[in-house]
Amino acid sequence: MTNTVETAAEHAPTAGEYIQHHLGHFTKGHQSFVVDFSVLNLDTIFWSVLTGVIALAIMLVAARRATSGVPGRFQGLFESIVEMVEDQSKSIVHGDRRFIAPLALTVFVWVFLMNSMDFLPVDLFAGLFRALGMGEPHFRIVPTADLNGTMGIALGVLAVVLYYNVKIKGIGGWIHELFAAPFGIWLAPANLLLNIIEYAARTVSLGMRLFGNMYAGELLFLLIALLGSTLTVFGIVGHIIAGSIWAIFHILIVLLQAFIFMMLTLVYIGQAHESH
């Protein structure tokens, strides 16, 4: 029995190996460069789609259960969210909001659900894979802790912003704005360069901000899990206390990051409604 325990301890991963394994993605290829579109992180795609479907299902159920009488807890909660999004969109976007307000609501609920995956135990799926005899493949369950996932959403926001620029100003008006704002048509090359940099910077910052916060949160959960693996009184007690405190605090981060992402989406769309 002692030999078995000693053998297991010898083969146990180090702290660095444990973290590196949990931060690896389930993918079919090896990424050879920072930007490699031939590599797909299948775990990120799976959880992004799944949480998106759940978000749509929740909103559909909320819409069908809405009544004019005294609302229940679920309806009351969702009405508060809808009212919050509607108020924000009304104050930021000055124009037709029939599509924009529902878009902002969808973004908020979807990003919140993706962020909330961070509350699942870090070793949940590793234990499940072992129980099913599948070994321990790399598998991450927080889509927003993957830069590919957050940049994908940010590029989607960019596409919507470009669409509204063309819709509101016309293709000619938007192109003229690219060359004429902010310094006038005589400095067209400088204006075009600045506008391109602005679009790129907003998109990158939108994706990086969400990724950075969620990646840091995921990494801290892994460090707390390692604290409990020391099997000492200090480690176990510290694991419980630190894990509980961070989980409570992380609820605010998860909610706040979804709100910030939604607000920035509204701000960028609102800017598309304005002319320089």
Protein backbone atom coordinates (compact mmCIF):
# COMPACT_ATOMS: atom_id res chain seq x y z
CA MET A 1 0.00 0.00 0.00
CA THR A 2 2.84 2.35 0.91
CA ASN A 3 4.63 1.59 -2.33
CA THR A 4 1.45 2.37 -4.28
CA VAL A 5 1.09 5.75 -2.58
CA GLU A 6 4.76 6.55 -3.14
CA THR A 7 4.49 5.58 -6.82
CA ALA A 8 1.41 7.76 -7.28
CA ALA A 9 3.18 10.65 -5.60
CA GLU A 10 6.19 10.24 -7.86
CA HIS A 11 4.01 10.37 -10.98
CA ALA A 12 1.86 13.25 -9.74
CA PRO A 13 2.24 16.37 -11.88
CA THR A 14 4.13 19.34 -10.57
CA ALA A 15 2.35 22.64 -9.99
CA GLY A 16 3.60 23.96 -13.31
CA GLU A 17 2.56 20.82 -15.19
CA TYR A 18 -0.88 20.89 -13.53
CA ILE A 19 -1.52 24.50 -14.55
CA GLN A 20 -0.10 24.02 -18.04
CA HIS A 21 -2.33 20.99 -18.60
CA HIS A 22 -5.48 22.80 -17.46
CA LEU A 23 -4.70 25.80 -19.64
CA GLY A 24 -4.35 23.65 -22.76
CA HIS A 25 -7.13 23.48 -25.34
CA PHE A 26 -8.79 20.50 -26.99
CA THR A 27 -7.68 21.03 -30.55
CA LYS A 28 -6.74 18.99 -33.59
CA GLY A 29 -3.67 20.99 -34.54
CA HIS A 30 -0.65 22.72 -33.08
CA GLN A 31 -0.56 26.49 -33.22
CA SER A 32 2.78 27.48 -34.72
CA PHE A 33 2.27 31.25 -34.61
CA VAL A 34 0.36 33.85 -32.59
CA VAL A 35 -2.25 34.07 -35.36
CA ASP A 36 -3.07 30.71 -36.94
CA PHE A 37 -6.55 30.38 -38.46
CA SER A 38 -5.97 26.73 -39.35
CA VAL A 39 -6.17 25.72 -35.66
CA LEU A 40 -9.60 25.50 -34.03
CA ASN A 41 -10.04 25.23 -30.27
CA LEU A 42 -12.93 22.79 -30.27
CA ASP A 43 -13.67 23.19 -26.57
CA THR A 44 -14.09 26.95 -26.94
CA ILE A 45 -16.36 26.49 -29.96
CA PHE A 46 -18.46 23.86 -28.17
CA TRP A 47 -19.03 25.87 -24.98
CA SER A 48 -19.59 29.13 -26.88
CA VAL A 49 -22.32 27.53 -28.99
CA LEU A 50 -23.85 25.70 -26.03
CA THR A 51 -24.03 28.79 -23.81
CA GLY A 52 -25.39 30.76 -26.78
CA VAL A 53 -28.19 28.23 -27.23
CA ILE A 54 -28.91 28.32 -23.48
CA ALA A 55 -29.00 32.14 -23.56
CA LEU A 56 -31.52 32.11 -26.40
CA ALA A 57 -33.58 29.45 -24.62
CA ILE A 58 -33.66 31.50 -21.40
CA MET A 59 -34.81 34.62 -23.24
CA LEU A 60 -37.42 32.63 -25.16
CA VAL A 61 -38.81 31.12 -21.95
CA ALA A 62 -38.83 34.55 -20.30
CA ALA A 63 -40.74 36.05 -23.24
CA ARG A 64 -43.34 33.27 -23.28
CA ARG A 65 -43.89 33.34 -19.52
CA ALA A 66 -44.30 37.11 -19.36
CA THR A 67 -47.66 38.10 -17.93
CA SER A 68 -49.35 41.40 -17.15
CA GLY A 69 -50.10 40.34 -13.61
CA VAL A 70 -47.81 40.15 -10.58
CA PRO A 71 -44.50 38.82 -11.94
CA GLY A 72 -42.74 35.85 -10.39
CA ARG A 73 -39.09 35.87 -9.39
CA PHE A 74 -37.84 34.74 -12.79
CA GLN A 75 -39.95 37.26 -14.69
CA GLY A 76 -39.08 40.02 -12.23
CA LEU A 77 -35.36 39.31 -12.60
CA PHE A 78 -35.49 39.26 -16.36
CA GLU A 79 -37.68 42.37 -16.53
CA SER A 80 -35.04 44.17 -14.45
CA ILE A 81 -32.32 43.08 -16.88
CA VAL A 82 -34.38 44.10 -19.91
CA GLU A 83 -35.17 47.48 -18.34
CA MET A 84 -31.49 48.06 -17.54
CA VAL A 85 -30.42 47.25 -21.10
CA GLU A 86 -33.23 49.35 -22.57
CA ASP A 87 -32.27 52.37 -20.44
CA GLN A 88 -28.61 52.08 -21.40
CA SER A 89 -29.34 51.68 -25.11
CA LYS A 90 -31.75 54.65 -25.02
CA SER A 91 -29.14 56.93 -23.45
CA ILE A 92 -26.32 55.89 -25.80
CA VAL A 93 -27.87 55.13 -29.19
CA HIS A 94 -29.94 57.92 -30.73
CA GLY A 95 -31.87 56.25 -33.49
CA ASP A 96 -33.81 53.10 -34.30
CA ARG A 97 -33.12 50.63 -31.47
CA ARG A 98 -35.48 47.81 -32.50
CA PHE A 99 -32.51 45.56 -33.28
CA ILE A 100 -29.85 47.19 -31.11
CA ALA A 101 -31.53 46.75 -27.70
CA PRO A 102 -32.23 43.01 -28.23
CA LEU A 103 -28.66 42.64 -29.53
CA ALA A 104 -27.27 44.25 -26.38
CA LEU A 105 -29.47 42.01 -24.22
CA THR A 106 -28.24 38.93 -26.08
CA VAL A 107 -24.62 40.00 -25.71
CA PHE A 108 -25.05 40.59 -21.97
CA VAL A 109 -26.75 37.26 -21.24
CA TRP A 110 -24.42 35.28 -23.52
CA VAL A 111 -21.19 36.75 -22.14
CA PHE A 112 -22.48 36.34 -18.59
CA LEU A 113 -23.19 32.65 -19.16
CA MET A 114 -19.78 32.08 -20.77
CA ASN A 115 -18.08 33.84 -17.86
CA SER A 116 -20.13 31.81 -15.37
CA MET A 117 -18.55 28.57 -16.62
CA ASP A 118 -15.60 29.59 -14.45
CA PHE A 119 -17.60 28.58 -11.36
CA LEU A 120 -17.49 24.90 -12.30
CA PRO A 121 -14.79 22.93 -10.41
CA VAL A 122 -11.47 23.10 -12.26
CA ASP A 123 -11.01 19.30 -12.15
CA LEU A 124 -14.63 18.38 -12.93
CA PHE A 125 -14.13 17.34 -16.54
CA ALA A 126 -10.67 15.89 -15.90
CA GLY A 127 -12.25 13.51 -13.38
CA LEU A 128 -15.12 12.77 -15.77
CA PHE A 129 -12.75 11.91 -18.61
CA ARG A 130 -10.76 9.61 -16.32
CA ALA A 131 -13.95 7.89 -15.18
CA LEU A 132 -14.92 7.29 -18.82
CA GLY A 133 -11.50 5.86 -19.60
CA MET A 134 -10.60 8.71 -21.95
CA GLY A 135 -7.40 9.69 -20.18
CA GLU A 136 -6.83 13.37 -19.45
CA PRO A 137 -7.12 15.36 -22.67
CA HIS A 138 -6.66 19.12 -22.66
CA PHE A 139 -10.11 20.63 -22.17
CA ARG A 140 -11.13 24.14 -21.09
CA ILE A 141 -14.68 25.17 -20.32
CA VAL A 142 -14.46 28.98 -20.11
CA PRO A 143 -14.78 30.36 -23.67
CA THR A 144 -14.02 33.92 -22.58
CA ALA A 145 -10.69 32.81 -21.05
CA ASP A 146 -9.59 31.98 -24.60
CA LEU A 147 -8.37 34.95 -26.63
CA ASN A 148 -9.71 33.28 -29.78
CA GLY A 149 -13.20 33.32 -28.29
CA THR A 150 -13.20 36.91 -27.09
CA MET A 151 -11.61 38.22 -30.30
CA GLY A 152 -14.24 36.34 -32.29
CA ILE A 153 -17.01 38.15 -30.41
CA ALA A 154 -15.16 41.46 -30.78
CA LEU A 155 -14.90 40.94 -34.54
CA GLY A 156 -18.65 40.30 -34.57
CA VAL A 157 -19.19 43.63 -32.82
CA LEU A 158 -16.92 45.29 -35.40
CA ALA A 159 -19.03 43.84 -38.22
CA VAL A 160 -22.20 45.27 -36.62
CA VAL A 161 -20.53 48.68 -36.17
CA LEU A 162 -19.42 48.76 -39.82
CA TYR A 163 -22.93 47.75 -40.90
CA TYR A 164 -24.51 50.64 -38.99
CA ASN A 165 -21.92 53.09 -40.28
CA VAL A 166 -22.93 52.20 -43.84
CA LYS A 167 -26.64 52.02 -43.02
CA ILE A 168 -26.80 55.40 -41.25
CA LYS A 169 -24.35 57.40 -43.37
CA GLY A 170 -24.49 55.54 -46.67
CA ILE A 171 -21.44 53.95 -48.26
CA GLY A 172 -20.37 57.28 -49.75
CA GLY A 173 -20.83 59.19 -46.50
CA TRP A 174 -18.91 56.63 -44.49
CA ILE A 175 -16.00 56.55 -46.94
CA HIS A 176 -15.93 60.34 -46.94
CA GLU A 177 -15.82 60.30 -43.13
CA LEU A 178 -12.89 57.86 -43.21
CA PHE A 179 -10.87 60.29 -45.32
CA ALA A 180 -12.15 63.62 -43.97
CA ALA A 181 -12.42 63.13 -40.19
CA PRO A 182 -11.04 64.41 -37.95
CA PHE A 183 -8.59 66.82 -39.63
CA GLY A 184 -10.35 67.62 -42.89
CA ILE A 185 -10.10 66.25 -46.43
CA TRP A 186 -6.70 67.93 -47.01
CA LEU A 187 -5.13 65.42 -44.61
CA ALA A 188 -6.95 62.40 -46.08
CA PRO A 189 -4.06 59.89 -45.74
CA ALA A 190 -3.55 60.75 -42.06
CA ASN A 191 -7.30 60.63 -41.41
CA LEU A 192 -7.64 57.21 -43.05
CA LEU A 193 -4.70 55.82 -41.05
CA LEU A 194 -6.08 57.16 -37.77
CA ASN A 195 -9.57 55.79 -38.45
CA ILE A 196 -8.22 52.34 -39.33
CA ILE A 197 -6.10 52.35 -36.17
CA GLU A 198 -9.15 53.41 -34.14
CA TYR A 199 -11.30 50.55 -35.46
CA ALA A 200 -8.48 48.05 -34.89
CA ALA A 201 -7.65 49.35 -31.40
CA ARG A 202 -11.28 49.29 -30.26
CA THR A 203 -11.72 45.73 -31.50
CA VAL A 204 -8.50 44.44 -29.95
CA SER A 205 -9.10 46.20 -26.63
CA LEU A 206 -12.67 44.89 -26.48
CA GLY A 207 -11.51 41.29 -26.87
CA MET A 208 -8.37 41.63 -24.75
CA ARG A 209 -10.16 43.26 -21.81
CA LEU A 210 -12.63 40.40 -21.41
CA PHE A 211 -9.97 37.76 -22.03
CA GLY A 212 -7.50 39.23 -19.54
CA ASN A 213 -9.98 39.39 -16.66
CA MET A 214 -11.39 35.90 -17.21
CA TYR A 215 -7.99 34.32 -17.82
CA ALA A 216 -6.69 35.80 -14.56
CA GLY A 217 -9.75 34.51 -12.72
CA GLU A 218 -9.31 31.01 -14.15
CA LEU A 219 -5.62 31.00 -13.23
CA LEU A 220 -6.38 32.04 -9.67
CA PHE A 221 -8.90 29.20 -9.29
CA LEU A 222 -6.16 26.78 -10.41
CA LEU A 223 -3.75 28.19 -7.83
CA ILE A 224 -6.38 27.81 -5.11
CA ALA A 225 -6.95 24.21 -6.21
CA LEU A 226 -3.20 23.58 -5.89
CA LEU A 227 -3.31 24.98 -2.37
CA GLY A 228 -5.80 22.30 -1.36
CA SER A 229 -3.70 19.55 -2.94
CA THR A 230 -0.94 20.05 -0.33
CA LEU A 231 -3.03 17.89 2.06
CA THR A 232 -1.96 19.94 5.08
CA VAL A 233 -4.24 21.64 7.58
CA PHE A 234 -3.08 25.06 6.39
CA GLY A 235 -3.51 24.08 2.74
CA ILE A 236 -7.00 22.61 3.15
CA VAL A 237 -8.29 25.42 5.37
CA GLY A 238 -6.67 28.02 3.11
CA HIS A 239 -8.18 26.31 0.07
CA ILE A 240 -11.69 26.49 1.55
CA ILE A 241 -11.40 30.08 2.77
CA ALA A 242 -9.59 31.45 -0.29
CA GLY A 243 -11.85 29.51 -2.66
CA SER A 244 -15.00 30.81 -0.99
CA ILE A 245 -13.81 34.43 -0.90
CA TRP A 246 -12.61 34.39 -4.49
CA ALA A 247 -15.80 32.68 -5.72
CA ILE A 248 -17.94 35.40 -4.10
CA PHE A 249 -15.73 38.17 -5.47
CA HIS A 250 -15.64 36.48 -8.87
CA ILE A 251 -19.43 36.74 -9.12
CA LEU A 252 -18.97 40.52 -9.33
CA ILE A 253 -16.22 40.14 -11.96
CA VAL A 254 -18.34 37.80 -14.09
CA LEU A 255 -21.30 40.17 -13.95
CA LEU A 256 -19.22 43.33 -14.37
CA GLN A 257 -17.32 42.04 -17.41
CA ALA A 258 -20.58 41.08 -19.15
CA PHE A 259 -21.97 44.55 -18.40
CA ILE A 260 -18.82 46.32 -19.64
CA PHE A 261 -18.76 44.29 -22.85
CA MET A 262 -22.42 45.12 -23.49
CA MET A 263 -21.86 48.82 -22.72
CA LEU A 264 -18.87 49.10 -25.05
CA THR A 265 -20.88 47.37 -27.77
CA LEU A 266 -23.60 50.00 -27.35
CA VAL A 267 -21.04 52.83 -27.29
CA TYR A 268 -19.41 51.70 -30.54
CA ILE A 269 -22.78 51.28 -32.24
CA GLY A 270 -23.86 54.66 -30.88
CA GLN A 271 -20.75 56.26 -32.39
CA ALA A 272 -21.74 54.78 -35.75
CA HIS A 273 -24.95 56.83 -35.53
CA GLU A 274 -23.03 60.07 -35.12
CA SER A 275 -21.27 62.12 -37.78
CA HIS A 276 -17.99 63.95 -37.33
